[in-house]
Amino acid sequence: MSRLGALMTEAIVHHYGRDEMLRRLSHPFWFQSFGAVMGMDWHSSGITTSVLGALKRGLKPLSAELGLHVCGGRGSHSRKTPSELIDIGYRVGIDGSALASVSRLIAKVDSAAVQDGFDLYLHSFIVTSDGQWVVVQQGMNPERRQARRYHWLSEGLENFLDSPHSAIEGRSQGNIINLADRRAEQSRSGQLDLLATLGPDRIAREALALDRAADAIPRPCDEPLLPHLIMPEHHDVRDSDVSMKRLYANLSAAADCGPADYPQLLLVPGVGPRTVRALAMVSEVVHGAACRFSDPARFSLAHGGKDRHPFPVPLKVYDETIRVLKSAVTKGKLAREEELAALWRLDQQARRAEQYATGPDLKEIIAGEFRDSGQLGGRSVFGWE
């Protein structure tokens, strides 16, 4: 995951720039698809930890070249984020202390100002060498055994208490206290006035009176929803989780465009049609528009999942994907764009094929993967196939 994630990041930065990589990380559907194409459990909250951990490890040797720096992580690593940002500031010439304050404030907003029953346990801060950033953090509700992911993006952020999130991942679970909502400004001002003018006994009496009258208070108008991703509780990949016309388009692009681009794509001995199919999905994650990631489960059909859903990770295909992508990225740095252009054409072909492509049903596709798993180096947390 570290190797593939780093290569895909290089390709995105090469084509679209660092700021676009930050925008994508702030988009919950793209983030989930990114993790799924790398072989992580497509439905799992663990995808957040795994993707960010893989990027931190994979991008560290490339940080000077790409100008991307990944800080923080899970548990104790999250608490090291401010010191990591200060260190990066010294090295690249940005205000690391100010970024450290931003990190602390964002963590405080999602742990104190947003009281939704989820306790933060992961905080990851990705910053560029010119000071732009994205923050991805995650909280856990131990009673429900569910997680919620919060995305922040510096681009366009006016302040930290005016509906600052770029997105939130997780299903609605009733009314919450959200003092970071733009409609809560009057409430925040009122709290400051209360603290300045009333003692604790008076505040307690007022709160009790409000509780009793809560049902009579009219609800404010609904705020337009942020992009929010709701993952199902089932582990297996079902028809309802996948846009089949997009999947057929991926398969069609691999079958139709792949052979035409063999001189550019298939330069590594042993790379065959199955790898081209995986590359078609990788190329979509690199080049695809935001609207195409509403079904992140589809991308798990590139390299499977470590929990055997939808099928064990075919390590031979995975390694071939990495080798082809590494060759393309390396040559792209030398202004030899033919292999990167071939990957781009795979994505373009998939979009064109979406209106007419057909194929077998999902169960048949997955059954074929299980049938061939032993030959493809299939492996999961349960061992080799």
Protein backbone atom coordinates (compact mmCIF):
# COMPACT_ATOMS: atom_id res chain seq x y z
CA MET A 1 0.00 0.00 0.00
CA SER A 2 2.87 2.40 0.74
CA ARG A 3 4.44 1.80 -2.66
CA LEU A 4 1.24 1.98 -4.70
CA GLY A 5 -0.10 4.97 -2.75
CA ALA A 6 3.13 6.90 -3.24
CA LEU A 7 3.19 6.16 -6.99
CA MET A 8 -0.43 7.21 -7.45
CA THR A 9 0.30 10.41 -5.51
CA GLU A 10 3.30 11.09 -7.76
CA ALA A 11 1.13 10.60 -10.84
CA ILE A 12 -1.56 12.97 -9.51
CA VAL A 13 0.97 15.65 -8.57
CA HIS A 14 2.68 15.23 -11.95
CA HIS A 15 -0.59 15.73 -13.87
CA TYR A 16 -2.59 18.05 -11.65
CA GLY A 17 -0.33 19.53 -8.95
CA ARG A 18 -0.07 19.30 -5.17
CA ASP A 19 -3.17 21.34 -4.42
CA GLU A 20 -5.30 18.89 -6.39
CA MET A 21 -3.94 16.02 -4.29
CA LEU A 22 -5.06 17.89 -1.17
CA ARG A 23 -8.53 18.46 -2.67
CA ARG A 24 -8.90 14.76 -3.37
CA LEU A 25 -7.84 13.74 0.13
CA SER A 26 -10.52 16.10 1.46
CA HIS A 27 -13.22 14.29 -0.56
CA PRO A 28 -14.63 11.27 1.34
CA PHE A 29 -15.72 9.28 -1.72
CA TRP A 30 -12.35 9.64 -3.43
CA PHE A 31 -10.53 8.83 -0.18
CA GLN A 32 -12.52 5.61 0.24
CA SER A 33 -11.94 4.65 -3.40
CA PHE A 34 -8.22 5.37 -3.03
CA GLY A 35 -8.01 2.97 -0.09
CA ALA A 36 -10.11 0.32 -1.85
CA VAL A 37 -7.93 0.27 -4.97
CA MET A 38 -4.91 -0.25 -2.69
CA GLY A 39 -6.42 -3.46 -1.27
CA MET A 40 -7.73 -2.22 2.07
CA ASP A 41 -11.15 -3.40 3.33
CA TRP A 42 -13.47 -1.23 1.26
CA HIS A 43 -16.19 -0.94 3.94
CA SER A 44 -13.97 -0.54 6.99
CA SER A 45 -13.16 2.42 9.22
CA GLY A 46 -9.63 0.98 9.24
CA ILE A 47 -9.22 2.29 5.70
CA THR A 48 -8.48 5.73 7.21
CA THR A 49 -5.63 4.51 9.39
CA SER A 50 -4.19 2.31 6.64
CA VAL A 51 -4.29 4.91 3.85
CA LEU A 52 -2.78 7.67 5.95
CA GLY A 53 -0.17 5.34 7.44
CA ALA A 54 0.77 4.10 3.96
CA LEU A 55 1.08 7.65 2.64
CA LYS A 56 3.20 8.75 5.59
CA ARG A 57 5.57 5.87 5.04
CA GLY A 58 5.57 5.98 1.23
CA LEU A 59 5.89 9.75 0.78
CA LYS A 60 8.55 10.37 3.41
CA PRO A 61 11.50 9.74 1.02
CA LEU A 62 9.71 11.83 -1.65
CA SER A 63 8.70 14.77 0.55
CA ALA A 64 11.42 17.13 -0.70
CA GLU A 65 10.77 16.26 -4.34
CA LEU A 66 6.95 16.44 -4.19
CA GLY A 67 6.68 19.13 -1.53
CA LEU A 68 4.16 16.98 0.39
CA HIS A 69 4.62 16.15 4.07
CA VAL A 70 2.42 13.78 6.08
CA CYS A 71 2.29 14.30 9.86
CA GLY A 72 0.43 12.71 12.73
CA GLY A 73 -1.43 9.44 12.73
CA ARG A 74 -3.22 7.26 15.21
CA GLY A 75 -3.05 7.42 19.01
CA SER A 76 0.29 8.65 20.29
CA HIS A 77 1.38 9.60 16.76
CA SER A 78 -1.43 12.16 16.60
CA ARG A 79 0.04 13.99 19.58
CA LYS A 80 3.34 14.38 17.75
CA THR A 81 1.73 16.38 14.94
CA PRO A 82 2.58 19.88 16.26
CA SER A 83 6.26 19.07 16.75
CA GLU A 84 6.41 17.43 13.31
CA LEU A 85 4.90 20.56 11.74
CA ILE A 86 7.37 22.83 13.52
CA ASP A 87 10.23 20.67 12.26
CA ILE A 88 8.90 20.80 8.68
CA GLY A 89 8.57 24.57 8.99
CA TYR A 90 12.27 24.88 9.83
CA ARG A 91 13.23 22.68 6.88
CA VAL A 92 11.11 24.22 4.12
CA GLY A 93 10.66 27.79 5.34
CA ILE A 94 6.99 27.95 6.34
CA ASP A 95 5.47 28.96 9.68
CA GLY A 96 5.44 25.61 11.45
CA SER A 97 4.32 27.13 14.75
CA ALA A 98 1.20 28.60 13.14
CA LEU A 99 0.45 25.25 11.52
CA ALA A 100 0.89 23.54 14.89
CA SER A 101 -1.73 25.91 16.32
CA VAL A 102 -4.05 25.06 13.42
CA SER A 103 -3.57 21.36 14.14
CA ARG A 104 -4.47 21.78 17.82
CA LEU A 105 -7.48 23.96 17.01
CA ILE A 106 -8.91 21.53 14.45
CA ALA A 107 -8.55 18.66 16.89
CA LYS A 108 -10.29 20.73 19.55
CA VAL A 109 -13.17 21.71 17.23
CA ASP A 110 -14.00 18.09 16.37
CA SER A 111 -13.60 16.88 19.94
CA ALA A 112 -15.28 19.73 21.86
CA ALA A 113 -17.24 22.05 19.55
CA VAL A 114 -18.71 19.10 17.63
CA GLN A 115 -20.25 16.83 20.27
CA ASP A 116 -21.58 13.91 18.25
CA GLY A 117 -20.62 10.93 20.41
CA PHE A 118 -17.38 10.15 18.55
CA ASP A 119 -14.06 10.42 20.39
CA LEU A 120 -11.06 11.36 18.23
CA TYR A 121 -8.29 8.79 18.03
CA LEU A 122 -6.63 9.69 14.71
CA HIS A 123 -5.36 13.05 13.47
CA SER A 124 -3.39 13.34 10.23
CA PHE A 125 -2.11 16.64 8.85
CA ILE A 126 -0.81 16.73 5.25
CA VAL A 127 0.92 20.00 4.36
CA THR A 128 2.66 21.26 1.21
CA SER A 129 5.96 23.12 1.14
CA ASP A 130 4.07 26.36 0.46
CA GLY A 131 1.82 25.97 3.51
CA GLN A 132 -1.43 24.57 2.05
CA TRP A 133 -2.90 21.67 4.00
CA VAL A 134 -5.57 19.04 4.43
CA VAL A 135 -6.53 17.40 7.72
CA VAL A 136 -8.20 14.00 8.02
CA GLN A 137 -9.19 12.83 11.46
CA GLN A 138 -11.40 10.09 12.77
CA GLY A 139 -13.44 9.44 15.88
CA MET A 140 -14.88 6.24 17.32
CA ASN A 141 -18.16 5.58 19.10
CA PRO A 142 -17.28 2.53 21.24
CA GLU A 143 -20.90 1.69 22.08
CA ARG A 144 -21.96 1.47 18.45
CA ARG A 145 -18.53 0.27 17.27
CA GLN A 146 -18.74 2.81 14.47
CA ALA A 147 -16.36 5.49 13.25
CA ARG A 148 -16.80 8.95 11.76
CA ARG A 149 -14.20 10.68 9.58
CA TYR A 150 -13.79 14.46 9.37
CA HIS A 151 -12.14 16.19 6.38
CA TRP A 152 -10.72 19.73 6.43
CA LEU A 153 -9.10 21.72 3.60
CA SER A 154 -7.22 25.00 3.88
CA GLU A 155 -8.35 26.15 0.43
CA GLY A 156 -11.35 28.46 0.82
CA LEU A 157 -11.40 28.12 4.63
CA GLU A 158 -12.50 31.45 6.11
CA ASN A 159 -12.51 30.52 9.80
CA PHE A 160 -12.71 27.49 12.05
CA LEU A 161 -16.21 28.07 13.43
CA ASP A 162 -18.25 28.75 10.30
CA SER A 163 -19.09 25.26 8.97
CA PRO A 164 -15.40 24.65 8.27
CA HIS A 165 -15.44 20.97 7.25
CA SER A 166 -15.01 20.06 3.61
CA ALA A 167 -16.79 16.76 4.29
CA ILE A 168 -17.85 14.29 7.00
CA GLU A 169 -18.02 10.51 6.56
CA GLY A 170 -20.58 8.64 8.63
CA ARG A 171 -24.31 8.04 8.94
CA SER A 172 -26.61 10.47 10.72
CA GLN A 173 -27.31 9.41 14.31
CA GLY A 174 -29.74 12.02 15.54
CA ASN A 175 -29.39 15.57 16.81
CA ILE A 176 -25.94 16.69 17.96
CA ILE A 177 -24.35 19.78 19.46
CA ASN A 178 -22.35 21.43 16.69
CA LEU A 179 -20.99 24.81 17.76
CA ALA A 180 -18.83 24.90 14.62
CA ASP A 181 -21.94 25.32 12.47
CA ARG A 182 -22.39 28.77 10.92
CA ARG A 183 -25.88 28.93 12.45
CA ALA A 184 -24.39 28.62 15.96
CA GLU A 185 -22.79 32.09 16.03
CA GLN A 186 -25.56 33.50 18.23
CA SER A 187 -25.22 30.54 20.57
CA ARG A 188 -21.46 31.03 20.89
CA SER A 189 -21.92 34.73 21.64
CA GLY A 190 -24.60 33.90 24.18
CA GLN A 191 -22.32 31.45 25.95
CA LEU A 192 -19.65 34.12 26.35
CA ASP A 193 -22.22 36.53 27.76
CA LEU A 194 -23.47 33.90 30.20
CA LEU A 195 -19.99 33.19 31.45
CA ALA A 196 -19.37 36.91 31.94
CA THR A 197 -22.65 37.79 33.68
CA LEU A 198 -24.05 34.69 35.42
CA GLY A 199 -22.76 32.34 38.05
CA PRO A 200 -22.84 28.53 37.74
CA ASP A 201 -26.09 28.17 39.72
CA ARG A 202 -27.97 30.57 37.44
CA ILE A 203 -26.59 28.83 34.34
CA ALA A 204 -27.73 25.43 35.68
CA ARG A 205 -31.28 26.75 36.29
CA GLU A 206 -31.45 28.27 32.79
CA ALA A 207 -30.22 25.00 31.23
CA LEU A 208 -32.89 23.00 33.09
CA ALA A 209 -35.60 25.40 31.88
CA LEU A 210 -34.36 25.04 28.30
CA ASP A 211 -34.46 21.26 28.55
CA ARG A 212 -38.09 21.35 29.64
CA ALA A 213 -39.04 23.71 26.82
CA ALA A 214 -36.95 21.96 24.13
CA ASP A 215 -39.94 20.41 22.37
CA ALA A 216 -41.54 23.81 21.95
CA ILE A 217 -38.52 25.42 20.30
CA PRO A 218 -38.87 25.58 16.49
CA ARG A 219 -36.07 23.91 14.61
CA PRO A 220 -33.88 26.08 12.36
CA CYS A 221 -33.93 25.53 8.62
CA ASP A 222 -31.83 22.65 7.41
CA GLU A 223 -28.25 23.37 6.45
CA PRO A 224 -27.26 21.96 3.01
CA LEU A 225 -25.47 18.68 3.58
CA LEU A 226 -21.74 18.40 3.15
CA PRO A 227 -20.49 15.56 0.98
CA HIS A 228 -20.98 12.65 3.35
CA LEU A 229 -20.27 8.99 2.74
CA ILE A 230 -22.31 6.27 4.47
CA MET A 231 -20.75 2.81 4.36
CA PRO A 232 -22.91 -0.32 4.80
CA GLU A 233 -22.41 -2.73 7.67
CA HIS A 234 -22.00 -5.79 5.46
CA HIS A 235 -18.48 -6.83 4.45
CA ASP A 236 -19.16 -8.53 1.13
CA VAL A 237 -19.44 -6.52 -2.07
CA ARG A 238 -23.00 -6.60 -3.45
CA ASP A 239 -24.66 -5.35 -6.62
CA SER A 240 -26.17 -2.50 -4.62
CA ASP A 241 -22.65 -1.30 -3.68
CA VAL A 242 -21.36 -1.07 -7.26
CA SER A 243 -22.37 0.94 -10.31
CA MET A 244 -22.30 -1.96 -12.75
CA LYS A 245 -22.23 0.25 -15.83
CA ARG A 246 -19.03 1.86 -14.52
CA LEU A 247 -17.55 -1.54 -13.70
CA TYR A 248 -18.35 -2.79 -17.20
CA ALA A 249 -16.74 0.37 -18.56
CA ASN A 250 -13.53 -0.43 -16.63
CA LEU A 251 -13.56 -3.99 -17.98
CA SER A 252 -14.27 -2.79 -21.51
CA ALA A 253 -11.47 -0.21 -21.38
CA ALA A 254 -9.02 -2.90 -20.29
CA ALA A 255 -10.16 -5.22 -23.09
CA ASP A 256 -10.38 -2.64 -25.90
CA CYS A 257 -7.82 0.01 -25.04
CA GLY A 258 -5.32 -2.20 -23.24
CA PRO A 259 -4.18 -4.23 -26.27
CA ALA A 260 -3.79 -1.09 -28.37
CA ASP A 261 -1.53 0.37 -25.70
CA TYR A 262 0.53 -2.76 -25.07
CA PRO A 263 3.70 -1.11 -26.41
CA GLN A 264 3.35 1.52 -23.67
CA LEU A 265 1.71 -0.47 -20.85
CA LEU A 266 2.97 -4.01 -21.11
CA LEU A 267 6.71 -3.45 -20.99
CA VAL A 268 7.17 -5.65 -17.94
CA PRO A 269 7.37 -9.40 -18.64
CA GLY A 270 4.35 -11.26 -17.30
CA VAL A 271 1.95 -8.31 -17.35
CA GLY A 272 -1.33 -9.46 -18.89
CA PRO A 273 -5.00 -8.57 -19.23
CA ARG A 274 -5.76 -8.99 -15.51
CA THR A 275 -3.18 -6.34 -14.64
CA VAL A 276 -4.53 -4.01 -17.33
CA ARG A 277 -7.95 -4.33 -15.68
CA ALA A 278 -6.46 -3.29 -12.34
CA LEU A 279 -4.63 -0.43 -14.06
CA ALA A 280 -7.91 0.78 -15.57
CA MET A 281 -9.25 1.29 -12.03
CA VAL A 282 -5.99 2.81 -10.79
CA SER A 283 -6.04 5.24 -13.71
CA GLU A 284 -9.62 6.25 -12.84
CA VAL A 285 -8.61 7.06 -9.26
CA VAL A 286 -5.73 9.15 -10.67
CA HIS A 287 -7.73 10.91 -13.39
CA GLY A 288 -11.44 10.46 -12.64
CA ALA A 289 -13.90 13.26 -11.88
CA ALA A 290 -15.36 13.52 -8.39
CA CYS A 291 -18.79 12.32 -9.55
CA ARG A 292 -17.36 8.89 -10.44
CA PHE A 293 -16.50 7.85 -6.88
CA SER A 294 -20.01 7.40 -5.45
CA ASP A 295 -19.45 3.60 -5.43
CA PRO A 296 -16.05 3.06 -3.80
CA ALA A 297 -16.72 -0.69 -3.52
CA ARG A 298 -16.12 -0.96 -7.27
CA PHE A 299 -12.44 -0.14 -6.81
CA SER A 300 -11.97 -3.10 -4.50
CA LEU A 301 -12.33 -5.23 -7.65
CA ALA A 302 -8.90 -4.01 -8.77
CA HIS A 303 -6.82 -5.67 -6.05
CA GLY A 304 -9.35 -7.32 -3.73
CA GLY A 305 -9.25 -6.86 0.02
CA LYS A 306 -7.05 -8.09 2.83
CA ASP A 307 -10.14 -9.51 4.59
CA ARG A 308 -11.00 -11.66 1.49
CA HIS A 309 -13.79 -9.27 0.44
CA PRO A 310 -14.53 -9.16 -2.41
CA PHE A 311 -11.64 -11.65 -2.95
CA PRO A 312 -8.09 -12.18 -1.62
CA VAL A 313 -5.45 -9.71 -2.77
CA PRO A 314 -3.81 -11.13 -5.95
CA LEU A 315 -0.22 -10.22 -5.09
CA LYS A 316 1.13 -11.04 -8.54
CA VAL A 317 -1.30 -8.56 -10.09
CA TYR A 318 -0.60 -6.02 -7.35
CA ASP A 319 3.16 -6.21 -7.93
CA GLU A 320 2.68 -5.90 -11.68
CA THR A 321 0.48 -2.82 -11.17
CA ILE A 322 3.23 -1.25 -9.07
CA ARG A 323 5.93 -2.07 -11.65
CA VAL A 324 3.96 -0.63 -14.57
CA LEU A 325 2.99 2.50 -12.63
CA LYS A 326 6.55 2.99 -11.37
CA SER A 327 7.90 2.74 -14.91
CA ALA A 328 5.31 5.25 -16.14
CA VAL A 329 5.96 7.76 -13.33
CA THR A 330 9.75 7.46 -13.65
CA LYS A 331 9.65 8.09 -17.40
CA GLY A 332 7.14 10.90 -16.92
CA LYS A 333 9.68 12.73 -14.75
CA LEU A 334 12.07 12.56 -17.72
CA ALA A 335 9.41 14.10 -20.00
CA ARG A 336 8.75 10.73 -21.63
CA GLU A 337 4.99 10.70 -21.23
CA GLU A 338 3.97 7.74 -23.40
CA GLU A 339 3.23 5.32 -20.55
CA LEU A 340 1.44 7.90 -18.39
CA ALA A 341 -0.55 8.88 -21.48
CA ALA A 342 -1.55 5.24 -21.98
CA LEU A 343 -2.93 5.12 -18.43
CA TRP A 344 -4.81 8.34 -19.07
CA ARG A 345 -6.33 6.81 -22.21
CA LEU A 346 -7.57 3.84 -20.17
CA ASP A 347 -9.63 6.23 -18.06
CA GLN A 348 -10.90 8.11 -21.11
CA GLN A 349 -11.88 4.85 -22.81
CA ALA A 350 -13.83 3.78 -19.71
CA ARG A 351 -15.89 6.96 -19.76
CA ARG A 352 -16.69 6.51 -23.44
CA ALA A 353 -17.64 2.85 -22.93
CA GLU A 354 -19.95 3.51 -20.00
CA GLN A 355 -23.04 3.98 -22.16
CA TYR A 356 -22.84 0.66 -23.99
CA ALA A 357 -20.52 -1.79 -22.18
CA THR A 358 -22.00 -4.99 -20.73
CA GLY A 359 -20.58 -8.02 -19.00
CA PRO A 360 -21.13 -10.84 -16.49
CA ASP A 361 -22.93 -10.22 -13.22
CA LEU A 362 -20.96 -9.29 -10.13
CA LYS A 363 -21.17 -12.73 -8.52
CA GLU A 364 -19.67 -14.30 -11.63
CA ILE A 365 -16.80 -11.79 -11.67
CA ILE A 366 -16.02 -12.44 -8.00
CA ALA A 367 -16.32 -16.21 -8.45
CA GLY A 368 -13.77 -16.02 -11.27
CA GLU A 369 -11.37 -14.16 -9.01
CA PHE A 370 -11.66 -16.83 -6.32
CA ARG A 371 -11.17 -19.54 -8.93
CA ASP A 372 -7.93 -17.94 -10.17
CA SER A 373 -6.76 -16.72 -6.78
CA GLY A 374 -4.18 -19.44 -6.21
CA GLN A 375 -2.52 -18.76 -9.56
CA LEU A 376 -2.47 -15.00 -8.95
CA GLY A 377 -0.76 -15.21 -5.55
CA GLY A 378 -3.98 -14.61 -3.64
CA ARG A 379 -3.43 -13.70 0.00
CA SER A 380 -5.46 -12.29 2.87
CA VAL A 381 -5.10 -11.92 6.64
CA PHE A 382 -6.12 -15.59 6.76
CA GLY A 383 -3.08 -16.69 4.72
CA TRP A 384 -2.32 -17.81 1.17
CA GLU A 385 -5.05 -19.20 -1.05
